[in-house]
């Protein structure tokens, strides 16, 4: 079985900030792969997600955060038997327009993924 790797929230946020968002493109790629694998469905091709994020100067990233935020907070949480506590993927997408809001969006989504991965990895052991 696949074991999902948690990511440090501090590392994810600092790397995204220090690299002026370049790490975020890599993070979108790896997160797309992980979410697709966990859900056993390909929502977006991870490589295409990264390329579209670059090619559209981040506009696709807003849609990606909304789409994958909805999957993580709703579908993945349900599959992991976890509550979503009223989290909203729309808020994640809107925050991308606030200066450095993309850092909060990444941290919020990665935080939820870490909880889901912990739950999944503990069940597998």
PDB file of N, CA and C in Angstrom:
ATOM      1  N   UNK A   1       0.825  -1.191   0.000  1.00  0.00           N
ATOM      2  CA  UNK A   1       0.000   0.000   0.000  1.00  0.00           C
ATOM      3  C   UNK A   1       0.869   1.255   0.000  1.00  0.00           C
ATOM      4  N   UNK A   2       0.325   2.315  -0.519  1.00  0.00           N
ATOM      5  CA  UNK A   2       1.008   3.598  -0.566  1.00  0.00           C
ATOM      6  C   UNK A   2       1.019   4.229   0.813  1.00  0.00           C
ATOM      7  N   UNK A   3       2.160   4.740   1.206  1.00  0.00           N
ATOM      8  CA  UNK A   3       2.264   5.503   2.444  1.00  0.00           C
ATOM      9  C   UNK A   3       2.481   6.956   2.046  1.00  0.00           C
ATOM     10  N   UNK A   4       1.610   7.832   2.513  1.00  0.00           N
ATOM     11  CA  UNK A   4       1.664   9.231   2.122  1.00  0.00           C
ATOM     12  C   UNK A   4       2.590  10.000   3.050  1.00  0.00           C
ATOM     13  N   UNK A   5       3.404  10.868   2.462  1.00  0.00           N
ATOM     14  CA  UNK A   5       4.409  11.637   3.190  1.00  0.00           C
ATOM     15  C   UNK A   5       3.846  12.986   3.616  1.00  0.00           C
ATOM     16  N   UNK A   6       3.849  13.227   4.922  1.00  0.00           N
ATOM     17  CA  UNK A   6       3.449  14.540   5.417  1.00  0.00           C
ATOM     18  C   UNK A   6       4.550  15.551   5.090  1.00  0.00           C
ATOM     19  N   UNK A   7       4.156  16.807   4.972  1.00  0.00           N
ATOM     20  CA  UNK A   7       5.125  17.874   4.722  1.00  0.00           C
ATOM     21  C   UNK A   7       5.066  18.865   5.880  1.00  0.00           C
ATOM     22  N   UNK A   8       6.224  19.370   6.264  1.00  0.00           N
ATOM     23  CA  UNK A   8       6.316  20.367   7.316  1.00  0.00           C
ATOM     24  C   UNK A   8       5.664  21.664   6.865  1.00  0.00           C
ATOM     25  N   UNK A   9       4.749  22.188   7.687  1.00  0.00           N
ATOM     26  CA  UNK A   9       4.069  23.435   7.338  1.00  0.00           C
ATOM     27  C   UNK A   9       5.060  24.598   7.280  1.00  0.00           C
ATOM     28  N   UNK A  10       6.034  24.584   8.166  1.00  0.00           N
ATOM     29  CA  UNK A  10       7.046  25.642   8.164  1.00  0.00           C
ATOM     30  C   UNK A  10       7.880  25.582   6.889  1.00  0.00           C
ATOM     31  N   UNK A  11       8.308  24.378   6.511  1.00  0.00           N
ATOM     32  CA  UNK A  11       9.110  24.235   5.289  1.00  0.00           C
ATOM     33  C   UNK A  11       8.327  24.651   4.048  1.00  0.00           C
ATOM     34  N   UNK A  12       7.096  24.211   3.964  1.00  0.00           N
ATOM     35  CA  UNK A  12       6.261  24.531   2.802  1.00  0.00           C
ATOM     36  C   UNK A  12       6.069  26.041   2.688  1.00  0.00           C
ATOM     37  N   UNK A  13       5.778  26.688   3.805  1.00  0.00           N
ATOM     38  CA  UNK A  13       5.535  28.136   3.748  1.00  0.00           C
ATOM     39  C   UNK A  13       6.821  28.909   3.482  1.00  0.00           C
ATOM     40  N   UNK A  14       7.903  28.545   4.148  1.00  0.00           N
ATOM     41  CA  UNK A  14       9.162  29.265   3.931  1.00  0.00           C
ATOM     42  C   UNK A  14       9.705  29.075   2.525  1.00  0.00           C
ATOM     43  N   UNK A  15       9.667  27.846   2.043  1.00  0.00           N
ATOM     44  CA  UNK A  15      10.164  27.596   0.686  1.00  0.00           C
ATOM     45  C   UNK A  15       9.336  28.334  -0.361  1.00  0.00           C
ATOM     46  N   UNK A  16       8.033  28.392  -0.159  1.00  0.00           N
ATOM     47  CA  UNK A  16       7.177  29.122  -1.097  1.00  0.00           C
ATOM     48  C   UNK A  16       7.494  30.608  -1.072  1.00  0.00           C
ATOM     49  N   UNK A  17       7.752  31.128   0.106  1.00  0.00           N
ATOM     50  CA  UNK A  17       8.050  32.548   0.249  1.00  0.00           C
ATOM     51  C   UNK A  17       9.433  32.892  -0.309  1.00  0.00           C
ATOM     52  N   UNK A  18      10.442  32.120   0.073  1.00  0.00           N
ATOM     53  CA  UNK A  18      11.827  32.392  -0.327  1.00  0.00           C
ATOM     54  C   UNK A  18      12.025  32.244  -1.838  1.00  0.00           C
ATOM     55  N   UNK A  19      11.319  31.304  -2.444  1.00  0.00           N
ATOM     56  CA  UNK A  19      11.484  31.077  -3.882  1.00  0.00           C
ATOM     57  C   UNK A  19      10.494  31.892  -4.715  1.00  0.00           C
ATOM     58  N   UNK A  20       9.795  32.825  -4.061  1.00  0.00           N
ATOM     59  CA  UNK A  20       8.813  33.689  -4.750  1.00  0.00           C
ATOM     60  C   UNK A  20       7.743  32.874  -5.483  1.00  0.00           C
ATOM     61  N   UNK A  21       7.315  31.801  -4.887  1.00  0.00           N
ATOM     62  CA  UNK A  21       6.227  31.000  -5.441  1.00  0.00           C
ATOM     63  C   UNK A  21       6.650  29.849  -6.329  1.00  0.00           C
ATOM     64  N   UNK A  22       7.921  29.736  -6.642  1.00  0.00           N
ATOM     65  CA  UNK A  22       8.372  28.638  -7.508  1.00  0.00           C
ATOM     66  C   UNK A  22       8.157  27.296  -6.816  1.00  0.00           C
ATOM     67  N   UNK A  23       8.433  27.236  -5.513  1.00  0.00           N
ATOM     68  CA  UNK A  23       8.208  25.988  -4.778  1.00  0.00           C
ATOM     69  C   UNK A  23       6.725  25.623  -4.803  1.00  0.00           C
ATOM     70  N   UNK A  24       5.869  26.634  -4.820  1.00  0.00           N
ATOM     71  CA  UNK A  24       4.434  26.369  -4.851  1.00  0.00           C
ATOM     72  C   UNK A  24       4.055  25.554  -6.087  1.00  0.00           C
ATOM     73  N   UNK A  25       4.694  25.813  -7.208  1.00  0.00           N
ATOM     74  CA  UNK A  25       4.419  25.049  -8.430  1.00  0.00           C
ATOM     75  C   UNK A  25       4.785  23.587  -8.217  1.00  0.00           C
ATOM     76  N   UNK A  26       5.949  23.331  -7.605  1.00  0.00           N
ATOM     77  CA  UNK A  26       6.354  21.966  -7.276  1.00  0.00           C
ATOM     78  C   UNK A  26       5.366  21.351  -6.288  1.00  0.00           C
ATOM     79  N   UNK A  27       4.945  22.129  -5.309  1.00  0.00           N
ATOM     80  CA  UNK A  27       4.001  21.641  -4.302  1.00  0.00           C
ATOM     81  C   UNK A  27       2.671  21.269  -4.954  1.00  0.00           C
ATOM     82  N   UNK A  28       2.215  22.077  -5.901  1.00  0.00           N
ATOM     83  CA  UNK A  28       0.978  21.770  -6.626  1.00  0.00           C
ATOM     84  C   UNK A  28       1.132  20.441  -7.367  1.00  0.00           C
ATOM     85  N   UNK A  29       2.288  20.241  -7.990  1.00  0.00           N
ATOM     86  CA  UNK A  29       2.548  18.991  -8.706  1.00  0.00           C
ATOM     87  C   UNK A  29       2.481  17.788  -7.745  1.00  0.00           C
ATOM     88  N   UNK A  30       3.216  17.851  -6.644  1.00  0.00           N
ATOM     89  CA  UNK A  30       3.260  16.703  -5.722  1.00  0.00           C
ATOM     90  C   UNK A  30       1.923  16.495  -5.016  1.00  0.00           C
ATOM     91  N   UNK A  31       1.261  17.581  -4.684  1.00  0.00           N
ATOM     92  CA  UNK A  31      -0.036  17.464  -4.013  1.00  0.00           C
ATOM     93  C   UNK A  31      -1.077  16.876  -4.964  1.00  0.00           C
ATOM     94  N   UNK A  32      -1.036  17.284  -6.217  1.00  0.00           N
ATOM     95  CA  UNK A  32      -1.958  16.714  -7.212  1.00  0.00           C
ATOM     96  C   UNK A  32      -1.751  15.200  -7.313  1.00  0.00           C
ATOM     97  N   UNK A  33      -0.490  14.771  -7.364  1.00  0.00           N
ATOM     98  CA  UNK A  33      -0.194  13.338  -7.430  1.00  0.00           C
ATOM     99  C   UNK A  33      -0.728  12.611  -6.211  1.00  0.00           C
ATOM    100  N   UNK A  34      -0.486  13.159  -5.025  1.00  0.00           N
ATOM    101  CA  UNK A  34      -0.919  12.514  -3.789  1.00  0.00           C
ATOM    102  C   UNK A  34      -2.441  12.431  -3.683  1.00  0.00           C
ATOM    103  N   UNK A  35      -3.117  13.533  -3.988  1.00  0.00           N
ATOM    104  CA  UNK A  35      -4.582  13.548  -3.900  1.00  0.00           C
ATOM    105  C   UNK A  35      -5.180  12.583  -4.917  1.00  0.00           C
ATOM    106  N   UNK A  36      -4.671  12.595  -6.135  1.00  0.00           N
ATOM    107  CA  UNK A  36      -5.158  11.665  -7.157  1.00  0.00           C
ATOM    108  C   UNK A  36      -4.954  10.222  -6.715  1.00  0.00           C
ATOM    109  N   UNK A  37      -3.804   9.926  -6.133  1.00  0.00           N
ATOM    110  CA  UNK A  37      -3.504   8.574  -5.669  1.00  0.00           C
ATOM    111  C   UNK A  37      -4.413   8.170  -4.515  1.00  0.00           C
ATOM    112  N   UNK A  38      -4.590   9.058  -3.555  1.00  0.00           N
ATOM    113  CA  UNK A  38      -5.433   8.762  -2.391  1.00  0.00           C
ATOM    114  C   UNK A  38      -6.874   8.512  -2.813  1.00  0.00           C
ATOM    115  N   UNK A  39      -7.368   9.360  -3.704  1.00  0.00           N
ATOM    116  CA  UNK A  39      -8.759   9.242  -4.140  1.00  0.00           C
ATOM    117  C   UNK A  39      -8.937   8.205  -5.252  1.00  0.00           C
ATOM    118  N   UNK A  40      -7.841   7.690  -5.783  1.00  0.00           N
ATOM    119  CA  UNK A  40      -7.864   6.692  -6.852  1.00  0.00           C
ATOM    120  C   UNK A  40      -8.613   7.207  -8.080  1.00  0.00           C
ATOM    121  N   UNK A  41      -8.368   8.479  -8.377  1.00  0.00           N
ATOM    122  CA  UNK A  41      -8.992   9.134  -9.524  1.00  0.00           C
ATOM    123  C   UNK A  41      -8.087  10.290  -9.943  1.00  0.00           C
ATOM    124  N   UNK A  42      -7.956  10.510 -11.242  1.00  0.00           N
ATOM    125  CA  UNK A  42      -7.130  11.627 -11.692  1.00  0.00           C
ATOM    126  C   UNK A  42      -8.024  12.819 -12.015  1.00  0.00           C
ATOM    127  N   UNK A  43      -7.989  13.801 -11.137  1.00  0.00           N
ATOM    128  CA  UNK A  43      -8.771  15.014 -11.337  1.00  0.00           C
ATOM    129  C   UNK A  43      -8.085  15.912 -12.359  1.00  0.00           C
ATOM    130  N   UNK A  44      -6.794  16.174 -12.142  1.00  0.00           N
ATOM    131  CA  UNK A  44      -5.956  16.887 -13.106  1.00  0.00           C
ATOM    132  C   UNK A  44      -4.639  16.147 -13.195  1.00  0.00           C
ATOM    133  N   UNK A  45      -4.062  16.133 -14.369  1.00  0.00           N
ATOM    134  CA  UNK A  45      -2.726  15.594 -14.522  1.00  0.00           C
ATOM    135  C   UNK A  45      -1.779  16.511 -13.748  1.00  0.00           C
ATOM    136  N   UNK A  46      -0.945  15.957 -12.837  1.00  0.00           N
ATOM    137  CA  UNK A  46      -0.048  16.797 -12.035  1.00  0.00           C
ATOM    138  C   UNK A  46       0.884  17.672 -12.866  1.00  0.00           C
ATOM    139  N   UNK A  47       1.446  17.129 -13.938  1.00  0.00           N
ATOM    140  CA  UNK A  47       2.342  17.923 -14.787  1.00  0.00           C
ATOM    141  C   UNK A  47       1.589  19.062 -15.464  1.00  0.00           C
ATOM    142  N   UNK A  48       0.403  18.767 -15.945  1.00  0.00           N
ATOM    143  CA  UNK A  48      -0.417  19.787 -16.589  1.00  0.00           C
ATOM    144  C   UNK A  48      -0.793  20.884 -15.593  1.00  0.00           C
ATOM    145  N   UNK A  49      -1.084  20.499 -14.362  1.00  0.00           N
ATOM    146  CA  UNK A  49      -1.407  21.486 -13.324  1.00  0.00           C
ATOM    147  C   UNK A  49      -0.253  22.459 -13.110  1.00  0.00           C
ATOM    148  N   UNK A  50       0.951  21.923 -13.042  1.00  0.00           N
ATOM    149  CA  UNK A  50       2.130  22.773 -12.840  1.00  0.00           C
ATOM    150  C   UNK A  50       2.355  23.689 -14.036  1.00  0.00           C
ATOM    151  N   UNK A  51       2.243  23.142 -15.232  1.00  0.00           N
ATOM    152  CA  UNK A  51       2.464  23.942 -16.446  1.00  0.00           C
ATOM    153  C   UNK A  51       1.403  25.035 -16.573  1.00  0.00           C
ATOM    154  N   UNK A  52       0.149  24.688 -16.320  1.00  0.00           N
ATOM    155  CA  UNK A  52      -0.920  25.687 -16.420  1.00  0.00           C
ATOM    156  C   UNK A  52      -0.770  26.786 -15.368  1.00  0.00           C
ATOM    157  N   UNK A  53      -0.276  26.419 -14.189  1.00  0.00           N
ATOM    158  CA  UNK A  53      -0.041  27.433 -13.151  1.00  0.00           C
ATOM    159  C   UNK A  53       0.987  28.450 -13.618  1.00  0.00           C
ATOM    160  N   UNK A  54       2.017  27.970 -14.275  1.00  0.00           N
ATOM    161  CA  UNK A  54       3.041  28.873 -14.809  1.00  0.00           C
ATOM    162  C   UNK A  54       2.525  29.648 -16.019  1.00  0.00           C
ATOM    163  N   UNK A  55       1.911  28.946 -16.957  1.00  0.00           N
ATOM    164  CA  UNK A  55       1.501  29.559 -18.226  1.00  0.00           C
ATOM    165  C   UNK A  55       0.418  30.623 -18.050  1.00  0.00           C
ATOM    166  N   UNK A  56      -0.405  30.483 -17.034  1.00  0.00           N
ATOM    167  CA  UNK A  56      -1.493  31.444 -16.824  1.00  0.00           C
ATOM    168  C   UNK A  56      -1.129  32.488 -15.775  1.00  0.00           C
ATOM    169  N   UNK A  57       0.154  32.542 -15.412  1.00  0.00           N
ATOM    170  CA  UNK A  57       0.638  33.507 -14.400  1.00  0.00           C
ATOM    171  C   UNK A  57      -0.139  33.397 -13.087  1.00  0.00           C
ATOM    172  N   UNK A  58      -0.506  32.186 -12.749  1.00  0.00           N
ATOM    173  CA  UNK A  58      -1.164  31.934 -11.466  1.00  0.00           C
ATOM    174  C   UNK A  58      -2.677  31.889 -11.494  1.00  0.00           C
ATOM    175  N   UNK A  59      -3.307  32.255 -12.591  1.00  0.00           N
ATOM    176  CA  UNK A  59      -4.774  32.220 -12.635  1.00  0.00           C
ATOM    177  C   UNK A  59      -5.316  30.803 -12.479  1.00  0.00           C
ATOM    178  N   UNK A  60      -4.654  29.836 -13.124  1.00  0.00           N
ATOM    179  CA  UNK A  60      -5.087  28.443 -12.968  1.00  0.00           C
ATOM    180  C   UNK A  60      -4.933  28.007 -11.518  1.00  0.00           C
ATOM    181  N   UNK A  61      -3.949  28.559 -10.817  1.00  0.00           N
ATOM    182  CA  UNK A  61      -3.698  28.199  -9.425  1.00  0.00           C
ATOM    183  C   UNK A  61      -4.912  28.495  -8.548  1.00  0.00           C
ATOM    184  N   UNK A  62      -5.607  29.583  -8.835  1.00  0.00           N
ATOM    185  CA  UNK A  62      -6.818  29.915  -8.078  1.00  0.00           C
ATOM    186  C   UNK A  62      -7.852  28.811  -8.263  1.00  0.00           C
ATOM    187  N   UNK A  63      -8.062  28.406  -9.500  1.00  0.00           N
ATOM    188  CA  UNK A  63      -9.007  27.318  -9.765  1.00  0.00           C
ATOM    189  C   UNK A  63      -8.524  26.022  -9.130  1.00  0.00           C
ATOM    190  N   UNK A  64      -7.211  25.748  -9.217  1.00  0.00           N
ATOM    191  CA  UNK A  64      -6.649  24.529  -8.634  1.00  0.00           C
ATOM    192  C   UNK A  64      -6.907  24.488  -7.136  1.00  0.00           C
ATOM    193  N   UNK A  65      -6.678  25.586  -6.432  1.00  0.00           N
ATOM    194  CA  UNK A  65      -6.922  25.619  -4.992  1.00  0.00           C
ATOM    195  C   UNK A  65      -8.390  25.398  -4.672  1.00  0.00           C
ATOM    196  N   UNK A  66      -9.269  25.963  -5.483  1.00  0.00           N
ATOM    197  CA  UNK A  66     -10.694  25.745  -5.259  1.00  0.00           C
ATOM    198  C   UNK A  66     -11.055  24.280  -5.490  1.00  0.00           C
ATOM    199  N   UNK A  67     -10.618  23.729  -6.612  1.00  0.00           N
ATOM    200  CA  UNK A  67     -10.949  22.344  -6.967  1.00  0.00           C
ATOM    201  C   UNK A  67     -10.362  21.351  -5.961  1.00  0.00           C
ATOM    202  N   UNK A  68      -9.043  21.435  -5.723  1.00  0.00           N
ATOM    203  CA  UNK A  68      -8.403  20.492  -4.819  1.00  0.00           C
ATOM    204  C   UNK A  68      -8.758  20.776  -3.365  1.00  0.00           C
ATOM    205  N   UNK A  69      -9.039  22.035  -3.033  1.00  0.00           N
ATOM    206  CA  UNK A  69      -9.516  22.342  -1.683  1.00  0.00           C
ATOM    207  C   UNK A  69     -10.843  21.661  -1.412  1.00  0.00           C
ATOM    208  N   UNK A  70     -11.734  21.703  -2.387  1.00  0.00           N
ATOM    209  CA  UNK A  70     -13.026  21.026  -2.257  1.00  0.00           C
ATOM    210  C   UNK A  70     -12.829  19.521  -2.099  1.00  0.00           C
ATOM    211  N   UNK A  71     -11.937  18.953  -2.880  1.00  0.00           N
ATOM    212  CA  UNK A  71     -11.673  17.512  -2.791  1.00  0.00           C
ATOM    213  C   UNK A  71     -11.101  17.163  -1.421  1.00  0.00           C
ATOM    214  N   UNK A  72     -10.111  17.936  -0.967  1.00  0.00           N
ATOM    215  CA  UNK A  72      -9.456  17.627   0.314  1.00  0.00           C
ATOM    216  C   UNK A  72     -10.421  17.821   1.473  1.00  0.00           C
ATOM    217  N   UNK A  73     -11.082  18.976   1.541  1.00  0.00           N
ATOM    218  CA  UNK A  73     -11.941  19.270   2.688  1.00  0.00           C
ATOM    219  C   UNK A  73     -13.235  18.466   2.699  1.00  0.00           C
ATOM    220  N   UNK A  74     -13.708  18.050   1.545  1.00  0.00           N
ATOM    221  CA  UNK A  74     -14.961  17.301   1.495  1.00  0.00           C
ATOM    222  C   UNK A  74     -14.735  15.808   1.246  1.00  0.00           C
ATOM    223  N   UNK A  75     -14.262  15.478   0.045  1.00  0.00           N
ATOM    224  CA  UNK A  75     -14.178  14.078  -0.361  1.00  0.00           C
ATOM    225  C   UNK A  75     -13.126  13.286   0.413  1.00  0.00           C
ATOM    226  N   UNK A  76     -11.924  13.834   0.512  1.00  0.00           N
ATOM    227  CA  UNK A  76     -10.866  13.109   1.229  1.00  0.00           C
ATOM    228  C   UNK A  76     -11.187  13.009   2.718  1.00  0.00           C
ATOM    229  N   UNK A  77     -11.730  14.081   3.290  1.00  0.00           N
ATOM    230  CA  UNK A  77     -12.104  14.049   4.709  1.00  0.00           C
ATOM    231  C   UNK A  77     -13.161  12.991   4.963  1.00  0.00           C
ATOM    232  N   UNK A  78     -14.129  12.917   4.060  1.00  0.00           N
ATOM    233  CA  UNK A  78     -15.185  11.907   4.198  1.00  0.00           C
ATOM    234  C   UNK A  78     -14.593  10.505   4.076  1.00  0.00           C
ATOM    235  N   UNK A  79     -13.706  10.308   3.109  1.00  0.00           N
ATOM    236  CA  UNK A  79     -13.072   8.997   2.918  1.00  0.00           C
ATOM    237  C   UNK A  79     -12.228   8.609   4.136  1.00  0.00           C
ATOM    238  N   UNK A  80     -11.639   9.603   4.819  1.00  0.00           N
ATOM    239  CA  UNK A  80     -10.813   9.353   6.000  1.00  0.00           C
ATOM    240  C   UNK A  80     -11.638   9.348   7.289  1.00  0.00           C
ATOM    241  N   UNK A  81     -12.957   9.492   7.148  1.00  0.00           N
ATOM    242  CA  UNK A  81     -13.866   9.548   8.299  1.00  0.00           C
ATOM    243  C   UNK A  81     -13.517  10.703   9.237  1.00  0.00           C
ATOM    244  N   UNK A  82     -13.216  11.856   8.667  1.00  0.00           N
ATOM    245  CA  UNK A  82     -12.895  13.053   9.439  1.00  0.00           C
ATOM    246  C   UNK A  82     -13.904  14.148   9.131  1.00  0.00           C
ATOM    247  N   UNK A  83     -14.126  15.012  10.106  1.00  0.00           N
ATOM    248  CA  UNK A  83     -14.972  16.179   9.886  1.00  0.00           C
ATOM    249  C   UNK A  83     -14.169  17.244   9.171  1.00  0.00           C
ATOM    250  N   UNK A  84     -14.851  18.080   8.402  1.00  0.00           N
ATOM    251  CA  UNK A  84     -14.143  19.159   7.712  1.00  0.00           C
ATOM    252  C   UNK A  84     -14.246  20.474   8.478  1.00  0.00           C
ATOM    253  N   UNK A  85     -14.991  20.510   9.579  1.00  0.00           N
ATOM    254  CA  UNK A  85     -15.070  21.682  10.452  1.00  0.00           C
ATOM    255  C   UNK A  85     -15.406  22.973   9.711  1.00  0.00           C
ATOM    256  N   UNK A  86     -16.206  22.898   8.696  1.00  0.00           N
ATOM    257  CA  UNK A  86     -16.654  24.086   7.992  1.00  0.00           C
ATOM    258  C   UNK A  86     -15.598  24.789   7.154  1.00  0.00           C
ATOM    259  N   UNK A  87     -14.496  24.130   6.885  1.00  0.00           N
ATOM    260  CA  UNK A  87     -13.464  24.751   6.062  1.00  0.00           C
ATOM    261  C   UNK A  87     -13.998  24.944   4.642  1.00  0.00           C
ATOM    262  N   UNK A  88     -13.547  25.982   4.011  1.00  0.00           N
ATOM    263  CA  UNK A  88     -14.056  26.296   2.690  1.00  0.00           C
ATOM    264  C   UNK A  88     -12.935  26.409   1.677  1.00  0.00           C
ATOM    265  N   UNK A  89     -13.075  25.702   0.584  1.00  0.00           N
ATOM    266  CA  UNK A  89     -12.100  25.779  -0.503  1.00  0.00           C
ATOM    267  C   UNK A  89     -12.167  27.148  -1.169  1.00  0.00           C
ATOM    268  N   UNK A  90     -13.330  27.774  -1.137  1.00  0.00           N
ATOM    269  CA  UNK A  90     -13.478  29.093  -1.735  1.00  0.00           C
ATOM    270  C   UNK A  90     -12.593  30.110  -1.021  1.00  0.00           C
ATOM    271  N   UNK A  91     -12.515  30.011   0.296  1.00  0.00           N
ATOM    272  CA  UNK A  91     -11.656  30.920   1.063  1.00  0.00           C
ATOM    273  C   UNK A  91     -10.204  30.749   0.637  1.00  0.00           C
ATOM    274  N   UNK A  92      -9.775  29.502   0.426  1.00  0.00           N
ATOM    275  CA  UNK A  92      -8.403  29.259  -0.018  1.00  0.00           C
ATOM    276  C   UNK A  92      -8.131  29.936  -1.350  1.00  0.00           C
ATOM    277  N   UNK A  93      -9.076  29.838  -2.259  1.00  0.00           N
ATOM    278  CA  UNK A  93      -8.894  30.424  -3.581  1.00  0.00           C
ATOM    279  C   UNK A  93      -8.875  31.951  -3.510  1.00  0.00           C
ATOM    280  N   UNK A  94      -9.754  32.526  -2.703  1.00  0.00           N
ATOM    281  CA  UNK A  94      -9.811  33.985  -2.575  1.00  0.00           C
ATOM    282  C   UNK A  94      -8.538  34.527  -1.939  1.00  0.00           C
ATOM    283  N   UNK A  95      -7.992  33.803  -0.966  1.00  0.00           N
ATOM    284  CA  UNK A  95      -6.797  34.263  -0.270  1.00  0.00           C
ATOM    285  C   UNK A  95      -5.591  34.407  -1.187  1.00  0.00           C
ATOM    286  N   UNK A  96      -5.622  33.763  -2.321  1.00  0.00           N
ATOM    287  CA  UNK A  96      -4.509  33.891  -3.255  1.00  0.00           C
ATOM    288  C   UNK A  96      -4.357  35.321  -3.764  1.00  0.00           C
ATOM    289  N   UNK A  97      -5.430  36.100  -3.690  1.00  0.00           N
ATOM    290  CA  UNK A  97      -5.376  37.480  -4.172  1.00  0.00           C
ATOM    291  C   UNK A  97      -4.855  38.456  -3.120  1.00  0.00           C
ATOM    292  N   UNK A  98      -4.796  38.035  -1.874  1.00  0.00           N
ATOM    293  CA  UNK A  98      -4.278  38.867  -0.788  1.00  0.00           C
ATOM    294  C   UNK A  98      -2.753  38.759  -0.803  1.00  0.00           C
ATOM    295  N   UNK A  99      -2.033  39.856  -0.557  1.00  0.00           N
ATOM    296  CA  UNK A  99      -0.566  39.738  -0.522  1.00  0.00           C
ATOM    297  C   UNK A  99      -0.130  38.638   0.453  1.00  0.00           C
ATOM    298  N   UNK A 100       0.645  37.719  -0.034  1.00  0.00           N
ATOM    299  CA  UNK A 100       1.140  36.562   0.706  1.00  0.00           C
ATOM    300  C   UNK A 100       0.018  35.634   1.182  1.00  0.00           C
ATOM    301  N   UNK A 101      -1.178  35.814   0.657  1.00  0.00           N
ATOM    302  CA  UNK A 101      -2.293  34.932   1.011  1.00  0.00           C
ATOM    303  C   UNK A 101      -2.079  33.514   0.512  1.00  0.00           C
ATOM    304  N   UNK A 102      -1.271  33.378  -0.527  1.00  0.00           N
ATOM    305  CA  UNK A 102      -0.998  32.042  -1.050  1.00  0.00           C
ATOM    306  C   UNK A 102      -0.273  31.196  -0.003  1.00  0.00           C
ATOM    307  N   UNK A 103       0.484  31.844   0.882  1.00  0.00           N
ATOM    308  CA  UNK A 103       1.165  31.100   1.955  1.00  0.00           C
ATOM    309  C   UNK A 103       0.124  30.485   2.883  1.00  0.00           C
ATOM    310  N   UNK A 104      -0.885  31.274   3.276  1.00  0.00           N
ATOM    311  CA  UNK A 104      -1.935  30.738   4.132  1.00  0.00           C
ATOM    312  C   UNK A 104      -2.690  29.614   3.416  1.00  0.00           C
ATOM    313  N   UNK A 105      -2.971  29.799   2.142  1.00  0.00           N
ATOM    314  CA  UNK A 105      -3.698  28.776   1.389  1.00  0.00           C
ATOM    315  C   UNK A 105      -2.939  27.451   1.372  1.00  0.00           C
ATOM    316  N   UNK A 106      -1.637  27.527   1.136  1.00  0.00           N
ATOM    317  CA  UNK A 106      -0.816  26.317   1.116  1.00  0.00           C
ATOM    318  C   UNK A 106      -0.789  25.662   2.491  1.00  0.00           C
ATOM    319  N   UNK A 107      -0.575  26.463   3.524  1.00  0.00           N
ATOM    320  CA  UNK A 107      -0.486  25.926   4.889  1.00  0.00           C
ATOM    321  C   UNK A 107      -1.813  25.291   5.308  1.00  0.00           C
ATOM    322  N   UNK A 108      -2.933  25.948   5.004  1.00  0.00           N
ATOM    323  CA  UNK A 108      -4.239  25.409   5.380  1.00  0.00           C
ATOM    324  C   UNK A 108      -4.514  24.078   4.681  1.00  0.00           C
ATOM    325  N   UNK A 109      -4.217  24.021   3.397  1.00  0.00           N
ATOM    326  CA  UNK A 109      -4.458  22.788   2.646  1.00  0.00           C
ATOM    327  C   UNK A 109      -3.492  21.689   3.080  1.00  0.00           C
ATOM    328  N   UNK A 110      -2.218  22.030   3.266  1.00  0.00           N
ATOM    329  CA  UNK A 110      -1.238  21.024   3.688  1.00  0.00           C
ATOM    330  C   UNK A 110      -1.528  20.528   5.100  1.00  0.00           C
ATOM    331  N   UNK A 111      -2.005  21.405   5.952  1.00  0.00           N
ATOM    332  CA  UNK A 111      -2.359  21.004   7.312  1.00  0.00           C
ATOM    333  C   UNK A 111      -3.453  19.937   7.308  1.00  0.00           C
ATOM    334  N   UNK A 112      -4.478  20.160   6.504  1.00  0.00           N
ATOM    335  CA  UNK A 112      -5.565  19.177   6.392  1.00  0.00           C
ATOM    336  C   UNK A 112      -5.049  17.880   5.771  1.00  0.00           C
ATOM    337  N   UNK A 113      -4.190  17.992   4.762  1.00  0.00           N
ATOM    338  CA  UNK A 113      -3.606  16.791   4.153  1.00  0.00           C
ATOM    339  C   UNK A 113      -2.788  16.005   5.174  1.00  0.00           C
ATOM    340  N   UNK A 114      -2.018  16.690   6.010  1.00  0.00           N
ATOM    341  CA  UNK A 114      -1.216  16.007   7.020  1.00  0.00           C
ATOM    342  C   UNK A 114      -2.096  15.215   7.985  1.00  0.00           C
ATOM    343  N   UNK A 115      -3.233  15.780   8.373  1.00  0.00           N
ATOM    344  CA  UNK A 115      -4.173  15.076   9.259  1.00  0.00           C
ATOM    345  C   UNK A 115      -4.721  13.837   8.560  1.00  0.00           C
ATOM    346  N   UNK A 116      -5.108  13.997   7.303  1.00  0.00           N
ATOM    347  CA  UNK A 116      -5.646  12.869   6.533  1.00  0.00           C
ATOM    348  C   UNK A 116      -4.576  11.792   6.350  1.00  0.00           C
ATOM    349  N   UNK A 117      -3.346  12.198   6.025  1.00  0.00           N
ATOM    350  CA  UNK A 117      -2.261  11.236   5.826  1.00  0.00           C
ATOM    351  C   UNK A 117      -1.923  10.504   7.119  1.00  0.00           C
ATOM    352  N   UNK A 118      -1.934  11.224   8.241  1.00  0.00           N
ATOM    353  CA  UNK A 118      -1.710  10.572   9.538  1.00  0.00           C
ATOM    354  C   UNK A 118      -2.750   9.491   9.779  1.00  0.00           C
ATOM    355  N   UNK A 119      -3.993   9.842   9.538  1.00  0.00           N
ATOM    356  CA  UNK A 119      -5.094   8.904   9.732  1.00  0.00           C
ATOM    357  C   UNK A 119      -4.932   7.686   8.821  1.00  0.00           C
ATOM    358  N   UNK A 120      -4.614   7.921   7.567  1.00  0.00           N
ATOM    359  CA  UNK A 120      -4.449   6.843   6.596  1.00  0.00           C
ATOM    360  C   UNK A 120      -3.265   5.949   6.947  1.00  0.00           C
ATOM    361  N   UNK A 121      -2.114   6.577   7.242  1.00  0.00           N
ATOM    362  CA  UNK A 121      -0.903   5.803   7.549  1.00  0.00           C
ATOM    363  C   UNK A 121      -1.059   4.989   8.831  1.00  0.00           C
ATOM    364  N   UNK A 122      -1.790   5.521   9.814  1.00  0.00           N
ATOM    365  CA  UNK A 122      -2.024   4.772  11.049  1.00  0.00           C
ATOM    366  C   UNK A 122      -2.936   3.584  10.814  1.00  0.00           C
ATOM    367  N   UNK A 123      -3.911   3.730   9.939  1.00  0.00           N
ATOM    368  CA  UNK A 123      -4.802   2.615   9.602  1.00  0.00           C
ATOM    369  C   UNK A 123      -4.072   1.510   8.864  1.00  0.00           C
ATOM    370  N   UNK A 124      -3.078   1.885   8.051  1.00  0.00           N
ATOM    371  CA  UNK A 124      -2.327   0.914   7.259  1.00  0.00           C
ATOM    372  C   UNK A 124      -1.359   0.088   8.102  1.00  0.00           C
ATOM    373  N   UNK A 125      -0.971   0.620   9.258  1.00  0.00           N
ATOM    374  CA  UNK A 125       0.018  -0.088  10.082  1.00  0.00           C
ATOM    375  C   UNK A 125      -0.570  -1.186  10.897  1.00  0.00           C
TER     376      UNK A 125
END
